[in-house]
Amino acid sequence: MRRLLGHAVSDLAFTPREFVFRFRSPTEFVEVFRDYCGPVRKAFDTLYDDLSALAEQQDQEPGPTIAVPSEYVEVVAVRAS
């Protein structure tokens, strides 16, 4: 990020965050990612069964719905004066 933003910022803060995707089922989880993940859409044709099994394995919500955690990094840049 420092290389990308260069001298335009005086400070950068990185904070690992987590967002929990919630879907009605492992099947819906796979369908949403298959339909909306741009460049990886073609790969879903061969990965469907494996991805559905992974969603079921990572599920953190008992019952008919699923909750799959997803880690990300939040970057806050402060513009240089």
C-alpha atoms as a PDB file:
ATOM      1  CA  MET A   1       0.000   0.000   0.000  1.00  0.00           C
ATOM      2  CA  ARG A   2       2.867   2.371   0.797  1.00  0.00           C
ATOM      3  CA  ARG A   3       4.336   1.781  -2.648  1.00  0.00           C
ATOM      4  CA  LEU A   4       0.928   2.266  -4.284  1.00  0.00           C
ATOM      5  CA  LEU A   5       0.028   5.466  -2.426  1.00  0.00           C
ATOM      6  CA  GLY A   6       3.563   6.848  -2.123  1.00  0.00           C
ATOM      7  CA  HIS A   7       3.950  10.304  -0.612  1.00  0.00           C
ATOM      8  CA  ALA A   8       0.218  11.035  -0.926  1.00  0.00           C
ATOM      9  CA  VAL A   9      -0.320   9.714   2.601  1.00  0.00           C
ATOM     10  CA  SER A  10       1.449  10.447   5.860  1.00  0.00           C
ATOM     11  CA  ASP A  11       0.237   7.362   7.713  1.00  0.00           C
ATOM     12  CA  LEU A  12      -1.239   3.931   6.994  1.00  0.00           C
ATOM     13  CA  ALA A  13      -2.985   1.679   9.488  1.00  0.00           C
ATOM     14  CA  PHE A  14      -3.752  -1.974   8.782  1.00  0.00           C
ATOM     15  CA  THR A  15      -6.373  -3.789  10.832  1.00  0.00           C
ATOM     16  CA  PRO A  16      -7.337  -7.429  10.188  1.00  0.00           C
ATOM     17  CA  ARG A  17     -11.119  -7.665  10.188  1.00  0.00           C
ATOM     18  CA  GLU A  18     -13.697 -10.401   9.720  1.00  0.00           C
ATOM     19  CA  PHE A  19     -16.991 -10.288   7.857  1.00  0.00           C
ATOM     20  CA  VAL A  20     -19.413 -13.203   8.197  1.00  0.00           C
ATOM     21  CA  PHE A  21     -21.238 -14.068   4.995  1.00  0.00           C
ATOM     22  CA  ARG A  22     -24.720 -15.426   5.743  1.00  0.00           C
ATOM     23  CA  PHE A  23     -26.662 -17.601   3.341  1.00  0.00           C
ATOM     24  CA  ARG A  24     -29.680 -19.877   3.535  1.00  0.00           C
ATOM     25  CA  SER A  25     -27.636 -22.950   2.550  1.00  0.00           C
ATOM     26  CA  PRO A  26     -24.255 -24.129   1.266  1.00  0.00           C
ATOM     27  CA  THR A  27     -25.859 -24.272  -2.183  1.00  0.00           C
ATOM     28  CA  GLU A  28     -26.839 -20.590  -2.031  1.00  0.00           C
ATOM     29  CA  PHE A  29     -23.308 -19.723  -0.849  1.00  0.00           C
ATOM     30  CA  VAL A  30     -21.818 -21.407  -3.921  1.00  0.00           C
ATOM     31  CA  GLU A  31     -24.376 -19.907  -6.301  1.00  0.00           C
ATOM     32  CA  VAL A  32     -23.730 -16.340  -5.111  1.00  0.00           C
ATOM     33  CA  PHE A  33     -19.966 -16.682  -5.490  1.00  0.00           C
ATOM     34  CA  ARG A  34     -20.344 -18.441  -8.829  1.00  0.00           C
ATOM     35  CA  ASP A  35     -22.597 -15.694 -10.178  1.00  0.00           C
ATOM     36  CA  TYR A  36     -20.843 -12.595  -8.796  1.00  0.00           C
ATOM     37  CA  CYS A  37     -17.110 -13.307  -8.421  1.00  0.00           C
ATOM     38  CA  GLY A  38     -16.043 -11.995 -11.827  1.00  0.00           C
ATOM     39  CA  PRO A  39     -12.892 -13.729 -13.089  1.00  0.00           C
ATOM     40  CA  VAL A  40     -13.395 -16.885 -11.023  1.00  0.00           C
ATOM     41  CA  ARG A  41     -16.835 -17.670 -12.454  1.00  0.00           C
ATOM     42  CA  LYS A  42     -15.395 -20.186 -14.940  1.00  0.00           C
ATOM     43  CA  ALA A  43     -13.539 -22.026 -12.202  1.00  0.00           C
ATOM     44  CA  PHE A  44     -16.772 -22.664 -10.310  1.00  0.00           C
ATOM     45  CA  ASP A  45     -17.925 -25.152 -12.926  1.00  0.00           C
ATOM     46  CA  THR A  46     -15.163 -27.521 -11.831  1.00  0.00           C
ATOM     47  CA  LEU A  47     -15.125 -26.545  -8.148  1.00  0.00           C
ATOM     48  CA  TYR A  48     -18.839 -26.575  -7.289  1.00  0.00           C
ATOM     49  CA  ASP A  49     -18.937 -29.775  -5.222  1.00  0.00           C
ATOM     50  CA  ASP A  50     -15.674 -28.981  -3.400  1.00  0.00           C
ATOM     51  CA  LEU A  51     -16.744 -25.416  -2.599  1.00  0.00           C
ATOM     52  CA  SER A  52     -20.128 -26.538  -1.317  1.00  0.00           C
ATOM     53  CA  ALA A  53     -18.413 -29.079   0.961  1.00  0.00           C
ATOM     54  CA  LEU A  54     -16.000 -26.380   2.185  1.00  0.00           C
ATOM     55  CA  ALA A  55     -18.892 -24.025   3.022  1.00  0.00           C
ATOM     56  CA  GLU A  56     -20.574 -26.804   4.957  1.00  0.00           C
ATOM     57  CA  GLN A  57     -17.318 -27.601   6.780  1.00  0.00           C
ATOM     58  CA  GLN A  58     -16.705 -23.928   7.735  1.00  0.00           C
ATOM     59  CA  ASP A  59     -20.323 -23.284   8.759  1.00  0.00           C
ATOM     60  CA  GLN A  60     -20.594 -21.628  12.174  1.00  0.00           C
ATOM     61  CA  GLU A  61     -24.387 -21.543  12.403  1.00  0.00           C
ATOM     62  CA  PRO A  62     -26.322 -24.677  13.335  1.00  0.00           C
ATOM     63  CA  GLY A  63     -29.559 -25.328  11.534  1.00  0.00           C
ATOM     64  CA  PRO A  64     -30.741 -24.873   7.974  1.00  0.00           C
ATOM     65  CA  THR A  65     -28.753 -21.673   7.292  1.00  0.00           C
ATOM     66  CA  ILE A  66     -24.984 -21.222   7.196  1.00  0.00           C
ATOM     67  CA  ALA A  67     -22.581 -18.532   8.411  1.00  0.00           C
ATOM     68  CA  VAL A  68     -19.084 -18.589   6.898  1.00  0.00           C
ATOM     69  CA  PRO A  69     -16.426 -16.253   8.361  1.00  0.00           C
ATOM     70  CA  SER A  70     -14.175 -14.356   5.972  1.00  0.00           C
ATOM     71  CA  GLU A  71     -11.044 -12.516   7.121  1.00  0.00           C
ATOM     72  CA  TYR A  72      -9.982  -9.282   5.456  1.00  0.00           C
ATOM     73  CA  VAL A  73      -7.591  -6.401   6.128  1.00  0.00           C
ATOM     74  CA  GLU A  74      -8.900  -2.872   6.534  1.00  0.00           C
ATOM     75  CA  VAL A  75      -6.464  -0.173   5.400  1.00  0.00           C
ATOM     76  CA  VAL A  76      -6.841   3.436   6.586  1.00  0.00           C
ATOM     77  CA  ALA A  77      -4.684   6.008   4.778  1.00  0.00           C
ATOM     78  CA  VAL A  78      -4.166   9.541   6.048  1.00  0.00           C
ATOM     79  CA  ARG A  79      -3.518  12.086   3.321  1.00  0.00           C
ATOM     80  CA  ALA A  80      -0.213  13.906   3.652  1.00  0.00           C
ATOM     81  CA  SER A  81      -0.464  17.631   4.409  1.00  0.00           C
END
